[in-house]
């Protein structure tokens, strides 16, 4: 969902004995599979860090209490919310500079982990569990579907303009919700629409991972999928929390 460096394709021919990921593939499949494994390894580490940080915030009550009971805590909370937006800028320019790219990625992930944890800290355990389980099922299902579709020459680049316009509408909808709250039904509609949109982003970004990202774009590929998953989880959390009221 963020602006990303341009995609590029690798060169080379398809070697015998290795199944191509998609028809008319112009690069060695084993290189692309290795790239995909690297992305999902980074993504797995990001998810583990996020879960660990969020779990610490939720389970250690003095931490969440500090963020809501003092002006310093509130200021720190606001800082952690906006920190990912500041980190994403240098990450955009240094995404190929090792190890700085991993350091920035770590800061980005930890700050989002705190934001997710603070959101969950004031949500019932039932709603969190429902959101986690459904997010996991949706992500796995859509990932399998996208790989299956890519092998059958389906292409999802057409989703780009629709997803961009949808995220703009969602942003305006969310802004209206903040300024002029209109109740539980509106929050449920917002959460449901957001969940559908980020399902589309998961398919779109997975398709780009399979076909279009160059081997140097591993950081951006991981960030794109990570943001899709986190936003899907938060959307479902909003939906279930509003439904529970």
C-alpha atoms as a PDB file:
ATOM      1  CA  UNK A   1       0.000   0.000   0.000  1.00  0.00           C
ATOM      2  CA  UNK A   2       3.035   2.278   0.242  1.00  0.00           C
ATOM      3  CA  UNK A   3       4.872   3.746  -2.731  1.00  0.00           C
ATOM      4  CA  UNK A   4       7.587   1.344  -3.764  1.00  0.00           C
ATOM      5  CA  UNK A   5      10.623   1.386  -6.057  1.00  0.00           C
ATOM      6  CA  UNK A   6       9.940   0.194  -9.618  1.00  0.00           C
ATOM      7  CA  UNK A   7       9.757  -3.520 -10.240  1.00  0.00           C
ATOM      8  CA  UNK A   8      12.237  -5.311 -12.454  1.00  0.00           C
ATOM      9  CA  UNK A   9      12.586  -8.823 -13.801  1.00  0.00           C
ATOM     10  CA  UNK A  10      15.651 -10.968 -13.723  1.00  0.00           C
ATOM     11  CA  UNK A  11      17.087 -12.572 -16.798  1.00  0.00           C
ATOM     12  CA  UNK A  12      17.977 -16.108 -17.717  1.00  0.00           C
ATOM     13  CA  UNK A  13      16.196 -19.160 -19.018  1.00  0.00           C
ATOM     14  CA  UNK A  14      14.090 -21.801 -17.350  1.00  0.00           C
ATOM     15  CA  UNK A  15      16.165 -24.804 -16.379  1.00  0.00           C
ATOM     16  CA  UNK A  16      14.819 -28.308 -16.871  1.00  0.00           C
ATOM     17  CA  UNK A  17      13.434 -30.113 -13.850  1.00  0.00           C
ATOM     18  CA  UNK A  18      12.312 -26.976 -11.977  1.00  0.00           C
ATOM     19  CA  UNK A  19       8.632 -26.069 -12.212  1.00  0.00           C
ATOM     20  CA  UNK A  20       8.042 -22.490 -13.312  1.00  0.00           C
ATOM     21  CA  UNK A  21       5.918 -20.341 -11.036  1.00  0.00           C
ATOM     22  CA  UNK A  22       3.942 -18.891 -13.940  1.00  0.00           C
ATOM     23  CA  UNK A  23       3.749 -19.385 -17.731  1.00  0.00           C
ATOM     24  CA  UNK A  24       6.343 -17.727 -20.001  1.00  0.00           C
ATOM     25  CA  UNK A  25       8.634 -17.230 -17.011  1.00  0.00           C
ATOM     26  CA  UNK A  26      11.910 -15.637 -18.173  1.00  0.00           C
ATOM     27  CA  UNK A  27      14.054 -16.227 -15.087  1.00  0.00           C
ATOM     28  CA  UNK A  28      15.371 -19.408 -13.454  1.00  0.00           C
ATOM     29  CA  UNK A  29      12.603 -20.715 -11.180  1.00  0.00           C
ATOM     30  CA  UNK A  30      15.015 -21.803  -8.436  1.00  0.00           C
ATOM     31  CA  UNK A  31      16.208 -18.189  -8.070  1.00  0.00           C
ATOM     32  CA  UNK A  32      12.668 -16.877  -7.744  1.00  0.00           C
ATOM     33  CA  UNK A  33      11.757 -19.617  -5.246  1.00  0.00           C
ATOM     34  CA  UNK A  34      14.838 -18.705  -3.203  1.00  0.00           C
ATOM     35  CA  UNK A  35      13.770 -15.055  -3.279  1.00  0.00           C
ATOM     36  CA  UNK A  36      10.251 -15.986  -2.152  1.00  0.00           C
ATOM     37  CA  UNK A  37      11.598 -18.070   0.732  1.00  0.00           C
ATOM     38  CA  UNK A  38      13.746 -15.112   1.816  1.00  0.00           C
ATOM     39  CA  UNK A  39      10.727 -12.789   1.802  1.00  0.00           C
ATOM     40  CA  UNK A  40       8.599 -15.144   3.864  1.00  0.00           C
ATOM     41  CA  UNK A  41      11.481 -15.676   6.305  1.00  0.00           C
ATOM     42  CA  UNK A  42      11.715 -11.910   6.861  1.00  0.00           C
ATOM     43  CA  UNK A  43       7.929 -11.674   7.092  1.00  0.00           C
ATOM     44  CA  UNK A  44       7.819 -14.494   9.668  1.00  0.00           C
ATOM     45  CA  UNK A  45      10.422 -12.706  11.781  1.00  0.00           C
ATOM     46  CA  UNK A  46       8.408  -9.487  11.565  1.00  0.00           C
ATOM     47  CA  UNK A  47       5.231 -11.247  12.663  1.00  0.00           C
ATOM     48  CA  UNK A  48       7.007 -12.933  15.583  1.00  0.00           C
ATOM     49  CA  UNK A  49       8.438  -9.597  16.748  1.00  0.00           C
ATOM     50  CA  UNK A  50       5.036  -7.940  16.411  1.00  0.00           C
ATOM     51  CA  UNK A  51       3.308 -10.704  18.385  1.00  0.00           C
ATOM     52  CA  UNK A  52       5.987 -10.599  21.094  1.00  0.00           C
ATOM     53  CA  UNK A  53       5.832  -6.811  21.492  1.00  0.00           C
ATOM     54  CA  UNK A  54       2.027  -6.714  21.368  1.00  0.00           C
ATOM     55  CA  UNK A  55       1.744  -9.582  23.854  1.00  0.00           C
ATOM     56  CA  UNK A  56       4.098  -7.794  26.263  1.00  0.00           C
ATOM     57  CA  UNK A  57       2.043  -4.597  26.055  1.00  0.00           C
ATOM     58  CA  UNK A  58      -1.230  -6.475  26.613  1.00  0.00           C
ATOM     59  CA  UNK A  59      -0.041  -8.806  29.379  1.00  0.00           C
ATOM     60  CA  UNK A  60       2.069  -6.315  31.364  1.00  0.00           C
ATOM     61  CA  UNK A  61      -0.681  -4.024  32.624  1.00  0.00           C
ATOM     62  CA  UNK A  62       1.584  -1.250  33.984  1.00  0.00           C
ATOM     63  CA  UNK A  63       2.803  -0.694  30.411  1.00  0.00           C
ATOM     64  CA  UNK A  64      -0.653  -0.082  28.933  1.00  0.00           C
ATOM     65  CA  UNK A  65      -1.666   1.858  32.055  1.00  0.00           C
ATOM     66  CA  UNK A  66       1.347   4.159  31.623  1.00  0.00           C
ATOM     67  CA  UNK A  67       0.331   5.053  28.078  1.00  0.00           C
ATOM     68  CA  UNK A  68      -3.172   6.182  29.087  1.00  0.00           C
ATOM     69  CA  UNK A  69      -2.668   7.544  32.594  1.00  0.00           C
ATOM     70  CA  UNK A  70      -0.057  10.258  32.047  1.00  0.00           C
ATOM     71  CA  UNK A  71       0.705  13.004  29.583  1.00  0.00           C
ATOM     72  CA  UNK A  72       4.177  11.523  29.012  1.00  0.00           C
ATOM     73  CA  UNK A  73       2.621   8.155  28.195  1.00  0.00           C
ATOM     74  CA  UNK A  74       0.121   9.734  25.833  1.00  0.00           C
ATOM     75  CA  UNK A  75       2.903  11.641  24.109  1.00  0.00           C
ATOM     76  CA  UNK A  76       4.938   8.461  23.746  1.00  0.00           C
ATOM     77  CA  UNK A  77       1.873   6.685  22.382  1.00  0.00           C
ATOM     78  CA  UNK A  78       1.398   9.360  19.701  1.00  0.00           C
ATOM     79  CA  UNK A  79       5.112   9.178  18.892  1.00  0.00           C
ATOM     80  CA  UNK A  80       4.968   5.390  18.430  1.00  0.00           C
ATOM     81  CA  UNK A  81       1.914   5.752  16.186  1.00  0.00           C
ATOM     82  CA  UNK A  82       3.603   8.211  13.835  1.00  0.00           C
ATOM     83  CA  UNK A  83       7.106   6.682  14.045  1.00  0.00           C
ATOM     84  CA  UNK A  84       6.465   4.120  11.250  1.00  0.00           C
ATOM     85  CA  UNK A  85       5.564   6.963   8.881  1.00  0.00           C
ATOM     86  CA  UNK A  86       8.915   8.627   9.603  1.00  0.00           C
ATOM     87  CA  UNK A  87      10.894   5.385   9.358  1.00  0.00           C
ATOM     88  CA  UNK A  88       9.323   4.444   6.017  1.00  0.00           C
ATOM     89  CA  UNK A  89      10.954   7.475   4.351  1.00  0.00           C
ATOM     90  CA  UNK A  90      14.623   6.571   5.035  1.00  0.00           C
ATOM     91  CA  UNK A  91      13.722   2.924   4.477  1.00  0.00           C
ATOM     92  CA  UNK A  92      12.602   3.892   0.969  1.00  0.00           C
ATOM     93  CA  UNK A  93      16.045   5.324   0.178  1.00  0.00           C
ATOM     94  CA  UNK A  94      18.185   2.766   2.022  1.00  0.00           C
ATOM     95  CA  UNK A  95      16.261  -0.438   1.313  1.00  0.00           C
ATOM     96  CA  UNK A  96      19.316  -1.871  -0.493  1.00  0.00           C
ATOM     97  CA  UNK A  97      21.916  -0.755   2.079  1.00  0.00           C
ATOM     98  CA  UNK A  98      22.744  -3.670   4.381  1.00  0.00           C
ATOM     99  CA  UNK A  99      22.630  -3.684   7.423  1.00  0.00           C
ATOM    100  CA  UNK A 100      20.936  -0.270   7.662  1.00  0.00           C
ATOM    101  CA  UNK A 101      17.871  -1.605   5.860  1.00  0.00           C
ATOM    102  CA  UNK A 102      17.407  -4.337   8.474  1.00  0.00           C
ATOM    103  CA  UNK A 103      17.888  -1.856  11.317  1.00  0.00           C
ATOM    104  CA  UNK A 104      15.234   0.466   9.899  1.00  0.00           C
ATOM    105  CA  UNK A 105      12.965  -2.499   9.244  1.00  0.00           C
ATOM    106  CA  UNK A 106      13.382  -3.590  12.871  1.00  0.00           C
ATOM    107  CA  UNK A 107      12.476  -0.122  14.187  1.00  0.00           C
ATOM    108  CA  UNK A 108       9.489  -0.045  11.856  1.00  0.00           C
ATOM    109  CA  UNK A 109       8.294  -3.463  13.035  1.00  0.00           C
ATOM    110  CA  UNK A 110       8.760  -2.809  16.760  1.00  0.00           C
ATOM    111  CA  UNK A 111       6.929   0.536  16.602  1.00  0.00           C
ATOM    112  CA  UNK A 112       4.000  -1.064  14.803  1.00  0.00           C
ATOM    113  CA  UNK A 113       4.072  -3.880  17.351  1.00  0.00           C
ATOM    114  CA  UNK A 114       3.576  -1.309  20.126  1.00  0.00           C
ATOM    115  CA  UNK A 115       0.704   0.291  18.195  1.00  0.00           C
ATOM    116  CA  UNK A 116      -0.978  -3.088  17.705  1.00  0.00           C
ATOM    117  CA  UNK A 117      -0.420  -3.994  21.358  1.00  0.00           C
ATOM    118  CA  UNK A 118      -1.944  -0.758  22.628  1.00  0.00           C
ATOM    119  CA  UNK A 119      -4.957  -1.313  20.388  1.00  0.00           C
ATOM    120  CA  UNK A 120      -5.376  -4.853  21.719  1.00  0.00           C
ATOM    121  CA  UNK A 121      -4.814  -3.804  25.342  1.00  0.00           C
ATOM    122  CA  UNK A 122      -8.288  -2.279  25.486  1.00  0.00           C
ATOM    123  CA  UNK A 123     -10.017  -5.053  23.548  1.00  0.00           C
ATOM    124  CA  UNK A 124     -11.515  -8.267  24.926  1.00  0.00           C
ATOM    125  CA  UNK A 125      -9.540 -11.477  24.557  1.00  0.00           C
ATOM    126  CA  UNK A 126     -12.390 -13.083  22.582  1.00  0.00           C
ATOM    127  CA  UNK A 127     -12.286 -10.366  19.917  1.00  0.00           C
ATOM    128  CA  UNK A 128      -8.475 -10.581  19.673  1.00  0.00           C
ATOM    129  CA  UNK A 129      -8.590 -14.367  19.284  1.00  0.00           C
ATOM    130  CA  UNK A 130     -11.301 -14.185  16.617  1.00  0.00           C
ATOM    131  CA  UNK A 131      -9.328 -11.568  14.691  1.00  0.00           C
ATOM    132  CA  UNK A 132      -6.050 -13.519  14.907  1.00  0.00           C
ATOM    133  CA  UNK A 133      -7.606 -16.815  13.784  1.00  0.00           C
ATOM    134  CA  UNK A 134      -9.538 -15.262  10.910  1.00  0.00           C
ATOM    135  CA  UNK A 135      -6.517 -13.220   9.783  1.00  0.00           C
ATOM    136  CA  UNK A 136      -4.335 -16.340   9.719  1.00  0.00           C
ATOM    137  CA  UNK A 137      -6.944 -18.327   7.760  1.00  0.00           C
ATOM    138  CA  UNK A 138      -7.471 -15.540   5.234  1.00  0.00           C
ATOM    139  CA  UNK A 139      -3.744 -14.905   4.696  1.00  0.00           C
ATOM    140  CA  UNK A 140      -2.932 -18.592   4.187  1.00  0.00           C
ATOM    141  CA  UNK A 141      -5.940 -19.124   1.908  1.00  0.00           C
ATOM    142  CA  UNK A 142      -5.267 -16.071  -0.264  1.00  0.00           C
ATOM    143  CA  UNK A 143      -1.560 -16.889  -0.511  1.00  0.00           C
ATOM    144  CA  UNK A 144      -2.284 -20.435  -1.689  1.00  0.00           C
ATOM    145  CA  UNK A 145      -4.905 -19.143  -4.122  1.00  0.00           C
ATOM    146  CA  UNK A 146      -2.545 -16.530  -5.593  1.00  0.00           C
ATOM    147  CA  UNK A 147       0.225 -19.074  -6.192  1.00  0.00           C
ATOM    148  CA  UNK A 148      -2.338 -21.412  -7.770  1.00  0.00           C
ATOM    149  CA  UNK A 149      -3.687 -18.612  -9.966  1.00  0.00           C
ATOM    150  CA  UNK A 150      -0.209 -17.479 -11.034  1.00  0.00           C
ATOM    151  CA  UNK A 151       0.593 -21.001 -12.236  1.00  0.00           C
ATOM    152  CA  UNK A 152      -2.505 -20.799 -14.440  1.00  0.00           C
ATOM    153  CA  UNK A 153      -1.573 -17.457 -16.018  1.00  0.00           C
ATOM    154  CA  UNK A 154      -3.990 -15.314 -13.995  1.00  0.00           C
ATOM    155  CA  UNK A 155      -2.769 -11.764 -13.552  1.00  0.00           C
ATOM    156  CA  UNK A 156      -3.835  -9.335 -10.837  1.00  0.00           C
ATOM    157  CA  UNK A 157      -2.169  -6.104 -11.965  1.00  0.00           C
ATOM    158  CA  UNK A 158      -5.627  -4.755 -12.857  1.00  0.00           C
ATOM    159  CA  UNK A 159      -6.316  -4.511  -9.109  1.00  0.00           C
ATOM    160  CA  UNK A 160      -3.790  -1.680  -8.692  1.00  0.00           C
ATOM    161  CA  UNK A 161      -6.010   1.311  -9.616  1.00  0.00           C
ATOM    162  CA  UNK A 162      -9.010  -0.132  -7.771  1.00  0.00           C
ATOM    163  CA  UNK A 163      -7.006  -0.733  -4.599  1.00  0.00           C
ATOM    164  CA  UNK A 164      -5.476   2.737  -4.717  1.00  0.00           C
ATOM    165  CA  UNK A 165      -8.863   4.433  -5.092  1.00  0.00           C
ATOM    166  CA  UNK A 166     -10.312   2.151  -2.397  1.00  0.00           C
ATOM    167  CA  UNK A 167      -7.607   3.060   0.099  1.00  0.00           C
ATOM    168  CA  UNK A 168      -8.254   6.769  -0.559  1.00  0.00           C
ATOM    169  CA  UNK A 169     -11.976   6.267   0.083  1.00  0.00           C
ATOM    170  CA  UNK A 170     -11.155   4.299   3.214  1.00  0.00           C
ATOM    171  CA  UNK A 171      -8.875   7.075   4.434  1.00  0.00           C
ATOM    172  CA  UNK A 172     -11.590   9.705   3.991  1.00  0.00           C
ATOM    173  CA  UNK A 173     -14.156   7.386   5.608  1.00  0.00           C
ATOM    174  CA  UNK A 174     -11.842   6.909   8.602  1.00  0.00           C
ATOM    175  CA  UNK A 175     -11.236  10.653   8.896  1.00  0.00           C
ATOM    176  CA  UNK A 176     -14.972  11.282   8.941  1.00  0.00           C
ATOM    177  CA  UNK A 177     -15.341   8.606  11.611  1.00  0.00           C
ATOM    178  CA  UNK A 178     -12.771  10.352  13.806  1.00  0.00           C
ATOM    179  CA  UNK A 179     -14.223  13.843  13.371  1.00  0.00           C
ATOM    180  CA  UNK A 180     -17.910  12.916  13.307  1.00  0.00           C
ATOM    181  CA  UNK A 181     -18.490   9.513  14.941  1.00  0.00           C
ATOM    182  CA  UNK A 182     -21.777   8.031  13.746  1.00  0.00           C
ATOM    183  CA  UNK A 183     -21.954   4.921  15.890  1.00  0.00           C
ATOM    184  CA  UNK A 184     -21.446   1.181  15.956  1.00  0.00           C
ATOM    185  CA  UNK A 185     -22.958   0.354  12.560  1.00  0.00           C
ATOM    186  CA  UNK A 186     -20.648   2.796  10.827  1.00  0.00           C
ATOM    187  CA  UNK A 187     -17.620   1.267  12.594  1.00  0.00           C
ATOM    188  CA  UNK A 188     -18.723  -2.208  11.484  1.00  0.00           C
ATOM    189  CA  UNK A 189     -19.090  -1.032   7.878  1.00  0.00           C
ATOM    190  CA  UNK A 190     -15.655   0.587   8.024  1.00  0.00           C
ATOM    191  CA  UNK A 191     -14.043  -2.566   9.433  1.00  0.00           C
ATOM    192  CA  UNK A 192     -15.741  -4.810   6.876  1.00  0.00           C
ATOM    193  CA  UNK A 193     -14.784  -2.629   3.904  1.00  0.00           C
ATOM    194  CA  UNK A 194     -11.206  -2.298   5.143  1.00  0.00           C
ATOM    195  CA  UNK A 195     -10.919  -6.076   5.555  1.00  0.00           C
ATOM    196  CA  UNK A 196     -12.093  -6.653   1.968  1.00  0.00           C
ATOM    197  CA  UNK A 197      -9.692  -4.041   0.617  1.00  0.00           C
ATOM    198  CA  UNK A 198      -6.681  -5.507   2.420  1.00  0.00           C
ATOM    199  CA  UNK A 199      -7.624  -8.987   1.214  1.00  0.00           C
ATOM    200  CA  UNK A 200      -7.243  -7.514  -2.264  1.00  0.00           C
ATOM    201  CA  UNK A 201      -3.866  -6.063  -1.299  1.00  0.00           C
ATOM    202  CA  UNK A 202      -2.656  -9.482  -0.117  1.00  0.00           C
ATOM    203  CA  UNK A 203      -3.507 -11.018  -3.500  1.00  0.00           C
ATOM    204  CA  UNK A 204      -2.007  -8.063  -5.400  1.00  0.00           C
ATOM    205  CA  UNK A 205       1.257  -7.937  -3.435  1.00  0.00           C
ATOM    206  CA  UNK A 206       1.678 -11.728  -3.474  1.00  0.00           C
ATOM    207  CA  UNK A 207       1.263 -11.678  -7.253  1.00  0.00           C
ATOM    208  CA  UNK A 208       3.925  -8.964  -7.456  1.00  0.00           C
ATOM    209  CA  UNK A 209       6.181 -11.061  -5.226  1.00  0.00           C
ATOM    210  CA  UNK A 210       5.853 -14.019  -7.592  1.00  0.00           C
ATOM    211  CA  UNK A 211       6.317 -12.120 -10.859  1.00  0.00           C
ATOM    212  CA  UNK A 212       7.619  -8.582 -10.586  1.00  0.00           C
ATOM    213  CA  UNK A 213       9.833  -7.751  -7.634  1.00  0.00           C
ATOM    214  CA  UNK A 214      13.528  -7.724  -8.421  1.00  0.00           C
ATOM    215  CA  UNK A 215      15.892  -9.625  -6.129  1.00  0.00           C
ATOM    216  CA  UNK A 216      17.051  -6.361  -4.512  1.00  0.00           C
ATOM    217  CA  UNK A 217      13.508  -5.451  -3.439  1.00  0.00           C
ATOM    218  CA  UNK A 218      13.244  -8.032  -0.669  1.00  0.00           C
ATOM    219  CA  UNK A 219      12.740  -5.366   2.015  1.00  0.00           C
ATOM    220  CA  UNK A 220       9.869  -3.705   0.170  1.00  0.00           C
ATOM    221  CA  UNK A 221       8.242  -7.021  -0.653  1.00  0.00           C
ATOM    222  CA  UNK A 222       8.303  -7.984   3.036  1.00  0.00           C
ATOM    223  CA  UNK A 223       7.036  -4.553   4.144  1.00  0.00           C
ATOM    224  CA  UNK A 224       4.146  -4.676   1.655  1.00  0.00           C
ATOM    225  CA  UNK A 225       2.903  -8.075   2.827  1.00  0.00           C
ATOM    226  CA  UNK A 226       3.502  -7.204   6.483  1.00  0.00           C
ATOM    227  CA  UNK A 227       1.392  -4.062   6.226  1.00  0.00           C
ATOM    228  CA  UNK A 228      -1.349  -5.968   4.424  1.00  0.00           C
ATOM    229  CA  UNK A 229      -1.531  -8.544   7.223  1.00  0.00           C
ATOM    230  CA  UNK A 230      -1.399  -6.000  10.051  1.00  0.00           C
ATOM    231  CA  UNK A 231      -4.059  -3.817   8.446  1.00  0.00           C
ATOM    232  CA  UNK A 232      -6.275  -6.832   7.807  1.00  0.00           C
ATOM    233  CA  UNK A 233      -5.977  -7.811  11.479  1.00  0.00           C
ATOM    234  CA  UNK A 234      -6.766  -4.282  12.688  1.00  0.00           C
ATOM    235  CA  UNK A 235      -9.742  -4.082  10.312  1.00  0.00           C
ATOM    236  CA  UNK A 236     -11.174  -7.335  11.649  1.00  0.00           C
ATOM    237  CA  UNK A 237     -10.484  -6.139  15.188  1.00  0.00           C
ATOM    238  CA  UNK A 238     -12.510  -2.987  14.473  1.00  0.00           C
ATOM    239  CA  UNK A 239     -15.335  -5.028  12.972  1.00  0.00           C
ATOM    240  CA  UNK A 240     -15.581  -7.559  15.808  1.00  0.00           C
ATOM    241  CA  UNK A 241     -15.142  -4.945  18.518  1.00  0.00           C
ATOM    242  CA  UNK A 242     -18.009  -2.878  17.112  1.00  0.00           C
ATOM    243  CA  UNK A 243     -20.176  -5.968  16.779  1.00  0.00           C
ATOM    244  CA  UNK A 244     -19.517  -6.893  20.411  1.00  0.00           C
ATOM    245  CA  UNK A 245     -20.845  -3.616  21.810  1.00  0.00           C
END
